C-alpha cells in the first residue's frame, strides 16, 4: 500500500484474487477482481497498519496489566461509561496491550472480537509494524497469519497513483451498515440472554447496545458494547448475542458483511 496526503493505492494479490483500490478525496475506484475483498485481506490493513482506533467521547480509558504466560504487558481498555465500571472484566471491552518499555502494540482483543498478536516488530518510516501477525477468534482458533519478509518505501510522483481509465467506481463498501430493524427480520437463531442474579438483586435494569459485524455466512464474527447499565448485563448480552444466526444479507446478488446494532433489553419483572 502506498499513497500521499490525498490519494492512496492499495493492492492485494493472492492465488485466486487480484485487486487494486484507488482512494481519492471524493471516491474509491477499483481494478482487477470485481468481488468484495476477501476476509483475510479486509482484516489485514486495519489490524496491521491502523490497529488502534480513534477514541470517541463516550470511551473511558482504563489502565491495567495483563499476563501472557511469563510476559506482563501494559494494557489500555477502551471501556464505556456505566455503573460499577471498576469491576468490569478486561475481556468485556476492546483491550490494547503494549510493551512495557516501548510504545509498541503487542496484543489486542476482547470477548466477541478477533484477537491480534503482534511479534517480530519492524521499523519503517518511524513506525513500528509487526513482522509476524496472528489473528484468531476469541476461542484462539487462528483466522489469519501474516509474515513480512521486508518493508521497502516506494517512490511515487503522485500521478502514478491516479485511477486508470478502466477503474470502476465503488458505490458500496465491502462491509455495509444496515439498520437494526432490517436485520431483526433476518434472525434464524436467537438465544435469550440470562439475567444475572447480581443485577436482579441490585435492581439494575435497562438496555445493552451492541455493535455487531455479521459475516457473509450469517454468523456474528465481531461485536462490542456501545452502552450498558452494568457490566454484568453487558457480559450476559454478549454471551447470548454471539450465538445468534442470521440469513445472509445480499447486495447485488452476493452475500456481504454487515455492520449493525443489536439492543438487548433487561426489565425487572418482565
C-alpha atoms as a PDB file:
ATOM      1  CA  UNK A   1       0.000   0.000   0.000  1.00  0.00           C
ATOM      2  CA  UNK A   2       1.376   3.421  -1.000  1.00  0.00           C
ATOM      3  CA  UNK A   3      -0.056   6.905  -1.011  1.00  0.00           C
ATOM      4  CA  UNK A   4       0.153  10.567  -0.231  1.00  0.00           C
ATOM      5  CA  UNK A   5      -1.963  13.069   1.629  1.00  0.00           C
ATOM      6  CA  UNK A   6      -4.894  12.863  -0.784  1.00  0.00           C
ATOM      7  CA  UNK A   7      -4.500   9.628  -2.740  1.00  0.00           C
ATOM      8  CA  UNK A   8      -3.988   6.070  -1.541  1.00  0.00           C
ATOM      9  CA  UNK A   9      -3.357   2.992  -3.643  1.00  0.00           C
ATOM     10  CA  UNK A  10      -3.970  -0.466  -2.110  1.00  0.00           C
ATOM     11  CA  UNK A  11      -3.074  -3.630  -3.994  1.00  0.00           C
ATOM     12  CA  UNK A  12      -3.953  -7.183  -2.959  1.00  0.00           C
ATOM     13  CA  UNK A  13      -2.725 -10.262  -4.782  1.00  0.00           C
ATOM     14  CA  UNK A  14      -3.161 -13.939  -3.985  1.00  0.00           C
ATOM     15  CA  UNK A  15      -3.588 -17.178  -5.905  1.00  0.00           C
ATOM     16  CA  UNK A  16      -7.264 -16.570  -6.682  1.00  0.00           C
ATOM     17  CA  UNK A  17      -7.635 -12.837  -6.116  1.00  0.00           C
ATOM     18  CA  UNK A  18      -6.051  -9.689  -7.543  1.00  0.00           C
ATOM     19  CA  UNK A  19      -7.435  -6.238  -6.842  1.00  0.00           C
ATOM     20  CA  UNK A  20      -6.212  -2.631  -6.633  1.00  0.00           C
ATOM     21  CA  UNK A  21      -8.117   0.196  -4.991  1.00  0.00           C
ATOM     22  CA  UNK A  22      -7.501   3.906  -5.580  1.00  0.00           C
ATOM     23  CA  UNK A  23      -8.804   6.162  -2.800  1.00  0.00           C
ATOM     24  CA  UNK A  24      -9.135   9.851  -3.674  1.00  0.00           C
ATOM     25  CA  UNK A  25     -10.658  12.843  -1.885  1.00  0.00           C
ATOM     26  CA  UNK A  26     -14.107  12.099  -3.282  1.00  0.00           C
ATOM     27  CA  UNK A  27     -14.344   8.448  -4.327  1.00  0.00           C
ATOM     28  CA  UNK A  28     -12.836   4.984  -4.298  1.00  0.00           C
ATOM     29  CA  UNK A  29     -12.073   3.139  -7.548  1.00  0.00           C
ATOM     30  CA  UNK A  30     -11.193  -0.479  -8.220  1.00  0.00           C
ATOM     31  CA  UNK A  31      -9.463  -2.564 -10.862  1.00  0.00           C
ATOM     32  CA  UNK A  32      -8.988  -6.323 -11.037  1.00  0.00           C
ATOM     33  CA  UNK A  33     -11.304  -8.771  -9.294  1.00  0.00           C
ATOM     34  CA  UNK A  34     -14.864  -7.434  -9.110  1.00  0.00           C
ATOM     35  CA  UNK A  35     -15.932  -9.150  -5.897  1.00  0.00           C
ATOM     36  CA  UNK A  36     -15.526  -7.628  -2.464  1.00  0.00           C
ATOM     37  CA  UNK A  37     -12.252  -8.022  -0.644  1.00  0.00           C
ATOM     38  CA  UNK A  38     -11.878 -11.492   0.938  1.00  0.00           C
ATOM     39  CA  UNK A  39     -11.979 -11.718   4.722  1.00  0.00           C
ATOM     40  CA  UNK A  40      -8.228 -12.222   5.069  1.00  0.00           C
ATOM     41  CA  UNK A  41      -7.317  -9.086   3.153  1.00  0.00           C
ATOM     42  CA  UNK A  42     -10.045  -6.993   4.805  1.00  0.00           C
ATOM     43  CA  UNK A  43      -8.614  -7.875   8.226  1.00  0.00           C
ATOM     44  CA  UNK A  44      -5.028  -7.201   7.177  1.00  0.00           C
ATOM     45  CA  UNK A  45      -4.984  -3.438   6.583  1.00  0.00           C
ATOM     46  CA  UNK A  46      -6.729  -2.247   9.773  1.00  0.00           C
ATOM     47  CA  UNK A  47      -5.018  -4.783  12.038  1.00  0.00           C
ATOM     48  CA  UNK A  48      -1.537  -4.197  10.615  1.00  0.00           C
ATOM     49  CA  UNK A  49      -1.480  -0.508   9.665  1.00  0.00           C
ATOM     50  CA  UNK A  50      -4.109   1.119  11.909  1.00  0.00           C
ATOM     51  CA  UNK A  51      -4.576  -1.311  14.801  1.00  0.00           C
ATOM     52  CA  UNK A  52      -5.700   1.250  17.411  1.00  0.00           C
ATOM     53  CA  UNK A  53      -8.990   3.033  16.584  1.00  0.00           C
ATOM     54  CA  UNK A  54      -9.824   6.675  17.139  1.00  0.00           C
ATOM     55  CA  UNK A  55     -11.340   7.282  20.570  1.00  0.00           C
ATOM     56  CA  UNK A  56     -14.733   8.958  20.856  1.00  0.00           C
ATOM     57  CA  UNK A  57     -16.084  10.986  23.760  1.00  0.00           C
ATOM     58  CA  UNK A  58     -18.018   8.079  25.296  1.00  0.00           C
ATOM     59  CA  UNK A  59     -14.904   5.983  25.897  1.00  0.00           C
ATOM     60  CA  UNK A  60     -13.340   5.673  29.349  1.00  0.00           C
ATOM     61  CA  UNK A  61      -9.671   4.642  29.374  1.00  0.00           C
ATOM     62  CA  UNK A  62      -8.727   2.060  31.998  1.00  0.00           C
ATOM     63  CA  UNK A  63      -5.132   1.066  32.582  1.00  0.00           C
ATOM     64  CA  UNK A  64      -4.179  -2.401  33.788  1.00  0.00           C
ATOM     65  CA  UNK A  65      -1.507  -5.056  33.465  1.00  0.00           C
ATOM     66  CA  UNK A  66      -2.200  -8.361  31.761  1.00  0.00           C
ATOM     67  CA  UNK A  67      -0.090 -11.509  31.826  1.00  0.00           C
ATOM     68  CA  UNK A  68       0.637 -13.570  28.716  1.00  0.00           C
ATOM     69  CA  UNK A  69       2.472 -16.588  30.045  1.00  0.00           C
ATOM     70  CA  UNK A  70       5.693 -15.262  31.580  1.00  0.00           C
ATOM     71  CA  UNK A  71       5.290 -11.870  29.882  1.00  0.00           C
ATOM     72  CA  UNK A  72       3.432  -8.974  31.507  1.00  0.00           C
ATOM     73  CA  UNK A  73       2.170  -6.155  29.268  1.00  0.00           C
ATOM     74  CA  UNK A  74       0.787  -2.698  29.989  1.00  0.00           C
ATOM     75  CA  UNK A  75      -2.770  -2.541  28.673  1.00  0.00           C
ATOM     76  CA  UNK A  76      -5.334   0.145  27.905  1.00  0.00           C
ATOM     77  CA  UNK A  77      -9.020  -0.804  27.993  1.00  0.00           C
ATOM     78  CA  UNK A  78     -11.435   1.237  25.853  1.00  0.00           C
ATOM     79  CA  UNK A  79     -14.369   0.980  28.241  1.00  0.00           C
ATOM     80  CA  UNK A  80     -17.821   2.540  28.075  1.00  0.00           C
ATOM     81  CA  UNK A  81     -19.420   4.632  30.804  1.00  0.00           C
ATOM     82  CA  UNK A  82     -21.639   2.535  33.069  1.00  0.00           C
ATOM     83  CA  UNK A  83     -22.283   1.743  36.711  1.00  0.00           C
ATOM     84  CA  UNK A  84     -19.751  -0.421  38.582  1.00  0.00           C
ATOM     85  CA  UNK A  85     -17.216   0.101  35.811  1.00  0.00           C
ATOM     86  CA  UNK A  86     -14.198  -0.538  38.043  1.00  0.00           C
ATOM     87  CA  UNK A  87     -15.190  -4.194  38.428  1.00  0.00           C
ATOM     88  CA  UNK A  88     -15.595  -4.784  34.662  1.00  0.00           C
ATOM     89  CA  UNK A  89     -13.514  -7.723  33.371  1.00  0.00           C
ATOM     90  CA  UNK A  90     -10.891  -6.765  30.793  1.00  0.00           C
ATOM     91  CA  UNK A  91     -12.452  -9.120  28.229  1.00  0.00           C
ATOM     92  CA  UNK A  92     -15.642  -7.058  28.163  1.00  0.00           C
ATOM     93  CA  UNK A  93     -14.127  -4.138  26.231  1.00  0.00           C
ATOM     94  CA  UNK A  94     -11.524  -3.793  23.449  1.00  0.00           C
ATOM     95  CA  UNK A  95      -8.116  -4.020  25.077  1.00  0.00           C
ATOM     96  CA  UNK A  96      -4.737  -2.971  23.661  1.00  0.00           C
ATOM     97  CA  UNK A  97      -1.569  -4.229  25.328  1.00  0.00           C
ATOM     98  CA  UNK A  98       1.832  -2.629  24.824  1.00  0.00           C
ATOM     99  CA  UNK A  99       5.458  -3.447  25.505  1.00  0.00           C
ATOM    100  CA  UNK A 100       6.247  -2.070  28.997  1.00  0.00           C
ATOM    101  CA  UNK A 101       9.486  -0.452  27.788  1.00  0.00           C
ATOM    102  CA  UNK A 102       8.436   0.985  24.399  1.00  0.00           C
ATOM    103  CA  UNK A 103       5.221   2.223  22.702  1.00  0.00           C
ATOM    104  CA  UNK A 104       4.833  -0.993  20.713  1.00  0.00           C
ATOM    105  CA  UNK A 105       1.478  -2.753  20.415  1.00  0.00           C
ATOM    106  CA  UNK A 106       1.817  -6.481  21.122  1.00  0.00           C
ATOM    107  CA  UNK A 107      -1.766  -7.750  21.569  1.00  0.00           C
ATOM    108  CA  UNK A 108      -5.338  -6.557  21.121  1.00  0.00           C
ATOM    109  CA  UNK A 109      -8.761  -8.119  21.524  1.00  0.00           C
ATOM    110  CA  UNK A 110     -11.754  -8.803  23.759  1.00  0.00           C
ATOM    111  CA  UNK A 111     -14.608 -11.251  24.007  1.00  0.00           C
ATOM    112  CA  UNK A 112     -16.573 -11.233  20.756  1.00  0.00           C
ATOM    113  CA  UNK A 113     -13.714  -9.719  18.774  1.00  0.00           C
ATOM    114  CA  UNK A 114     -10.882 -11.354  16.925  1.00  0.00           C
ATOM    115  CA  UNK A 115      -7.620 -11.214  18.866  1.00  0.00           C
ATOM    116  CA  UNK A 116      -4.419  -9.929  17.271  1.00  0.00           C
ATOM    117  CA  UNK A 117      -0.910 -10.952  18.350  1.00  0.00           C
ATOM    118  CA  UNK A 118       1.995  -8.791  17.158  1.00  0.00           C
ATOM    119  CA  UNK A 119       5.510 -10.284  17.104  1.00  0.00           C
ATOM    120  CA  UNK A 120       8.910  -9.621  15.479  1.00  0.00           C
ATOM    121  CA  UNK A 121       8.448  -5.857  15.443  1.00  0.00           C
ATOM    122  CA  UNK A 122       9.965  -3.982  12.474  1.00  0.00           C
ATOM    123  CA  UNK A 123      10.563  -0.247  11.983  1.00  0.00           C
ATOM    124  CA  UNK A 124       9.529   1.516   8.770  1.00  0.00           C
ATOM    125  CA  UNK A 125       9.444   5.281   8.251  1.00  0.00           C
ATOM    126  CA  UNK A 126       9.439   5.843  12.004  1.00  0.00           C
ATOM    127  CA  UNK A 127       6.556   3.419  12.638  1.00  0.00           C
ATOM    128  CA  UNK A 128       6.551   0.083  14.431  1.00  0.00           C
ATOM    129  CA  UNK A 129       4.963  -2.683  12.362  1.00  0.00           C
ATOM    130  CA  UNK A 130       4.607  -6.343  13.267  1.00  0.00           C
ATOM    131  CA  UNK A 131       6.703  -8.657  11.138  1.00  0.00           C
ATOM    132  CA  UNK A 132       4.511 -11.526  12.302  1.00  0.00           C
ATOM    133  CA  UNK A 133       0.798 -11.004  12.877  1.00  0.00           C
ATOM    134  CA  UNK A 134      -1.647 -13.677  14.030  1.00  0.00           C
ATOM    135  CA  UNK A 135      -5.393 -13.007  14.121  1.00  0.00           C
ATOM    136  CA  UNK A 136      -7.607 -15.529  15.905  1.00  0.00           C
ATOM    137  CA  UNK A 137     -11.164 -15.925  17.131  1.00  0.00           C
ATOM    138  CA  UNK A 138     -11.776 -15.487  20.857  1.00  0.00           C
ATOM    139  CA  UNK A 139     -11.518 -19.279  21.253  1.00  0.00           C
ATOM    140  CA  UNK A 140      -7.895 -18.995  19.982  1.00  0.00           C
ATOM    141  CA  UNK A 141      -8.787 -20.550  16.612  1.00  0.00           C
ATOM    142  CA  UNK A 142      -6.449 -18.929  14.022  1.00  0.00           C
ATOM    143  CA  UNK A 143      -8.117 -16.934  11.242  1.00  0.00           C
ATOM    144  CA  UNK A 144      -5.118 -15.305   9.563  1.00  0.00           C
ATOM    145  CA  UNK A 145      -1.334 -15.428   9.898  1.00  0.00           C
ATOM    146  CA  UNK A 146       0.890 -12.837   8.221  1.00  0.00           C
ATOM    147  CA  UNK A 147       4.672 -12.876   7.824  1.00  0.00           C
ATOM    148  CA  UNK A 148       6.503  -9.849   6.399  1.00  0.00           C
ATOM    149  CA  UNK A 149       9.861 -10.583   4.810  1.00  0.00           C
ATOM    150  CA  UNK A 150      10.867  -6.949   4.275  1.00  0.00           C
ATOM    151  CA  UNK A 151       9.489  -3.392   4.301  1.00  0.00           C
ATOM    152  CA  UNK A 152      10.513  -1.081   1.460  1.00  0.00           C
ATOM    153  CA  UNK A 153       9.486   2.534   0.809  1.00  0.00           C
ATOM    154  CA  UNK A 154       8.123   3.073  -2.709  1.00  0.00           C
ATOM    155  CA  UNK A 155       8.901   6.256  -4.586  1.00  0.00           C
ATOM    156  CA  UNK A 156       5.913   7.941  -6.206  1.00  0.00           C
ATOM    157  CA  UNK A 157       5.286  11.168  -8.106  1.00  0.00           C
ATOM    158  CA  UNK A 158       1.600  11.130  -7.201  1.00  0.00           C
ATOM    159  CA  UNK A 159       0.373  10.923 -10.788  1.00  0.00           C
ATOM    160  CA  UNK A 160       1.026   7.183 -10.940  1.00  0.00           C
ATOM    161  CA  UNK A 161      -1.459   6.734  -8.086  1.00  0.00           C
ATOM    162  CA  UNK A 162      -4.331   8.167 -10.111  1.00  0.00           C
ATOM    163  CA  UNK A 163      -7.086   5.665 -11.049  1.00  0.00           C
ATOM    164  CA  UNK A 164      -6.634   4.278 -14.593  1.00  0.00           C
ATOM    165  CA  UNK A 165      -9.310   4.784 -17.225  1.00  0.00           C
ATOM    166  CA  UNK A 166     -10.725   1.275 -16.793  1.00  0.00           C
ATOM    167  CA  UNK A 167     -11.129   1.603 -12.998  1.00  0.00           C
ATOM    168  CA  UNK A 168     -14.665   1.107 -11.670  1.00  0.00           C
ATOM    169  CA  UNK A 169     -16.046   3.473  -9.073  1.00  0.00           C
ATOM    170  CA  UNK A 170     -17.084   1.611  -5.903  1.00  0.00           C
ATOM    171  CA  UNK A 171     -20.621   2.553  -4.935  1.00  0.00           C
ATOM    172  CA  UNK A 172     -20.785   0.419  -1.783  1.00  0.00           C
ATOM    173  CA  UNK A 173     -18.100  -0.766   0.661  1.00  0.00           C
ATOM    174  CA  UNK A 174     -17.261  -4.392   1.365  1.00  0.00           C
ATOM    175  CA  UNK A 175     -18.993  -4.054   4.737  1.00  0.00           C
ATOM    176  CA  UNK A 176     -22.355  -2.299   4.655  1.00  0.00           C
ATOM    177  CA  UNK A 177     -24.253  -0.675   7.508  1.00  0.00           C
ATOM    178  CA  UNK A 178     -27.785  -1.987   7.918  1.00  0.00           C
ATOM    179  CA  UNK A 179     -30.418  -0.699  10.333  1.00  0.00           C
ATOM    180  CA  UNK A 180     -31.237  -2.851  13.349  1.00  0.00           C
ATOM    181  CA  UNK A 181     -34.904  -3.037  12.354  1.00  0.00           C
ATOM    182  CA  UNK A 182     -33.990  -4.534   8.981  1.00  0.00           C
ATOM    183  CA  UNK A 183     -31.699  -7.211  10.409  1.00  0.00           C
ATOM    184  CA  UNK A 184     -34.217  -8.263  13.049  1.00  0.00           C
ATOM    185  CA  UNK A 185     -36.316  -9.865  10.332  1.00  0.00           C
ATOM    186  CA  UNK A 186     -33.354 -11.980   9.221  1.00  0.00           C
ATOM    187  CA  UNK A 187     -32.676 -13.715  12.560  1.00  0.00           C
ATOM    188  CA  UNK A 188     -32.943 -17.503  12.254  1.00  0.00           C
ATOM    189  CA  UNK A 189     -31.450 -18.398  15.652  1.00  0.00           C
ATOM    190  CA  UNK A 190     -31.874 -16.276  18.763  1.00  0.00           C
ATOM    191  CA  UNK A 191     -30.517 -17.206  22.185  1.00  0.00           C
ATOM    192  CA  UNK A 192     -32.143 -15.289  25.017  1.00  0.00           C
ATOM    193  CA  UNK A 193     -29.658 -13.767  27.493  1.00  0.00           C
ATOM    194  CA  UNK A 194     -29.615 -14.707  31.149  1.00  0.00           C
ATOM    195  CA  UNK A 195     -30.499 -12.053  33.715  1.00  0.00           C
ATOM    196  CA  UNK A 196     -27.534 -12.024  36.140  1.00  0.00           C
ATOM    197  CA  UNK A 197     -28.646 -12.593  39.725  1.00  0.00           C
ATOM    198  CA  UNK A 198     -26.337  -9.841  40.983  1.00  0.00           C
ATOM    199  CA  UNK A 199     -28.084  -7.327  38.713  1.00  0.00           C
ATOM    200  CA  UNK A 200     -31.514  -8.526  39.846  1.00  0.00           C
ATOM    201  CA  UNK A 201     -30.590  -8.225  43.490  1.00  0.00           C
ATOM    202  CA  UNK A 202     -29.260  -4.708  42.875  1.00  0.00           C
ATOM    203  CA  UNK A 203     -32.439  -3.812  40.958  1.00  0.00           C
ATOM    204  CA  UNK A 204     -30.451  -2.935  37.826  1.00  0.00           C
ATOM    205  CA  UNK A 205     -32.290  -2.885  34.513  1.00  0.00           C
ATOM    206  CA  UNK A 206     -32.016  -1.175  31.145  1.00  0.00           C
ATOM    207  CA  UNK A 207     -30.727  -1.632  27.606  1.00  0.00           C
ATOM    208  CA  UNK A 208     -27.442  -3.080  26.356  1.00  0.00           C
ATOM    209  CA  UNK A 209     -26.487  -1.719  22.924  1.00  0.00           C
ATOM    210  CA  UNK A 210     -24.098  -3.897  20.928  1.00  0.00           C
ATOM    211  CA  UNK A 211     -22.396  -3.132  17.626  1.00  0.00           C
ATOM    212  CA  UNK A 212     -22.017  -6.336  15.624  1.00  0.00           C
ATOM    213  CA  UNK A 213     -20.398  -7.472  12.402  1.00  0.00           C
ATOM    214  CA  UNK A 214     -22.338 -10.251  10.677  1.00  0.00           C
ATOM    215  CA  UNK A 215     -20.375 -12.240   8.121  1.00  0.00           C
ATOM    216  CA  UNK A 216     -21.426 -13.488   4.713  1.00  0.00           C
ATOM    217  CA  UNK A 217     -22.327 -16.773   6.430  1.00  0.00           C
ATOM    218  CA  UNK A 218     -24.868 -15.092   8.728  1.00  0.00           C
ATOM    219  CA  UNK A 219     -22.786 -15.642  11.891  1.00  0.00           C
ATOM    220  CA  UNK A 220     -21.641 -12.840  14.183  1.00  0.00           C
ATOM    221  CA  UNK A 221     -17.872 -12.529  13.873  1.00  0.00           C
ATOM    222  CA  UNK A 222     -17.147  -9.386  15.860  1.00  0.00           C
ATOM    223  CA  UNK A 223     -19.060  -7.288  18.359  1.00  0.00           C
ATOM    224  CA  UNK A 224     -18.514  -4.672  21.034  1.00  0.00           C
ATOM    225  CA  UNK A 225     -20.605  -2.995  23.712  1.00  0.00           C
ATOM    226  CA  UNK A 226     -21.595   0.596  22.949  1.00  0.00           C
ATOM    227  CA  UNK A 227     -23.600   1.196  26.116  1.00  0.00           C
ATOM    228  CA  UNK A 228     -24.950  -0.753  29.085  1.00  0.00           C
ATOM    229  CA  UNK A 229     -26.333  -0.009  32.556  1.00  0.00           C
ATOM    230  CA  UNK A 230     -23.963  -2.502  34.221  1.00  0.00           C
ATOM    231  CA  UNK A 231     -21.012  -4.752  33.247  1.00  0.00           C
ATOM    232  CA  UNK A 232     -22.808  -7.941  34.296  1.00  0.00           C
ATOM    233  CA  UNK A 233     -25.691  -7.189  31.917  1.00  0.00           C
ATOM    234  CA  UNK A 234     -23.238  -6.372  29.130  1.00  0.00           C
ATOM    235  CA  UNK A 235     -21.415  -9.681  29.569  1.00  0.00           C
ATOM    236  CA  UNK A 236     -24.656 -11.672  29.611  1.00  0.00           C
ATOM    237  CA  UNK A 237     -25.814  -9.905  26.447  1.00  0.00           C
ATOM    238  CA  UNK A 238     -22.549 -10.625  24.601  1.00  0.00           C
ATOM    239  CA  UNK A 239     -22.612 -14.305  25.589  1.00  0.00           C
ATOM    240  CA  UNK A 240     -26.110 -14.677  24.136  1.00  0.00           C
ATOM    241  CA  UNK A 241     -25.799 -12.484  21.043  1.00  0.00           C
ATOM    242  CA  UNK A 242     -22.589 -14.216  19.976  1.00  0.00           C
ATOM    243  CA  UNK A 243     -24.700 -17.329  19.316  1.00  0.00           C
ATOM    244  CA  UNK A 244     -27.292 -15.605  17.113  1.00  0.00           C
ATOM    245  CA  UNK A 245     -27.511 -16.508  13.437  1.00  0.00           C
ATOM    246  CA  UNK A 246     -28.937 -14.544  10.522  1.00  0.00           C
ATOM    247  CA  UNK A 247     -29.903 -15.127   6.932  1.00  0.00           C
ATOM    248  CA  UNK A 248     -27.011 -13.845   4.777  1.00  0.00           C
ATOM    249  CA  UNK A 249     -27.503 -10.260   3.606  1.00  0.00           C
ATOM    250  CA  UNK A 250     -27.303  -9.950  -0.184  1.00  0.00           C
ATOM    251  CA  UNK A 251     -26.188  -6.922  -2.173  1.00  0.00           C
ATOM    252  CA  UNK A 252     -26.118  -7.033  -5.967  1.00  0.00           C
ATOM    253  CA  UNK A 253     -26.798 -10.751  -5.757  1.00  0.00           C
ATOM    254  CA  UNK A 254     -23.868 -11.540  -3.458  1.00  0.00           C
ATOM    255  CA  UNK A 255     -23.694 -12.015   0.333  1.00  0.00           C
ATOM    256  CA  UNK A 256     -21.808  -9.217   2.100  1.00  0.00           C
ATOM    257  CA  UNK A 257     -20.572  -8.443   5.596  1.00  0.00           C
ATOM    258  CA  UNK A 258     -22.943  -6.296   7.607  1.00  0.00           C
ATOM    259  CA  UNK A 259     -22.383  -3.858  10.464  1.00  0.00           C
ATOM    260  CA  UNK A 260     -25.477  -3.338  12.578  1.00  0.00           C
ATOM    261  CA  UNK A 261     -26.597  -2.682  16.134  1.00  0.00           C
ATOM    262  CA  UNK A 262     -28.390  -5.049  18.473  1.00  0.00           C
ATOM    263  CA  UNK A 263     -30.354  -3.967  21.538  1.00  0.00           C
ATOM    264  CA  UNK A 264     -30.891  -6.351  24.473  1.00  0.00           C
ATOM    265  CA  UNK A 265     -33.463  -5.148  26.997  1.00  0.00           C
ATOM    266  CA  UNK A 266     -33.449  -6.165  30.672  1.00  0.00           C
ATOM    267  CA  UNK A 267     -36.614  -5.417  32.677  1.00  0.00           C
ATOM    268  CA  UNK A 268     -37.270  -6.442  36.252  1.00  0.00           C
ATOM    269  CA  UNK A 269     -40.488  -8.416  36.490  1.00  0.00           C
ATOM    270  CA  UNK A 270     -40.793  -8.519  32.701  1.00  0.00           C
END
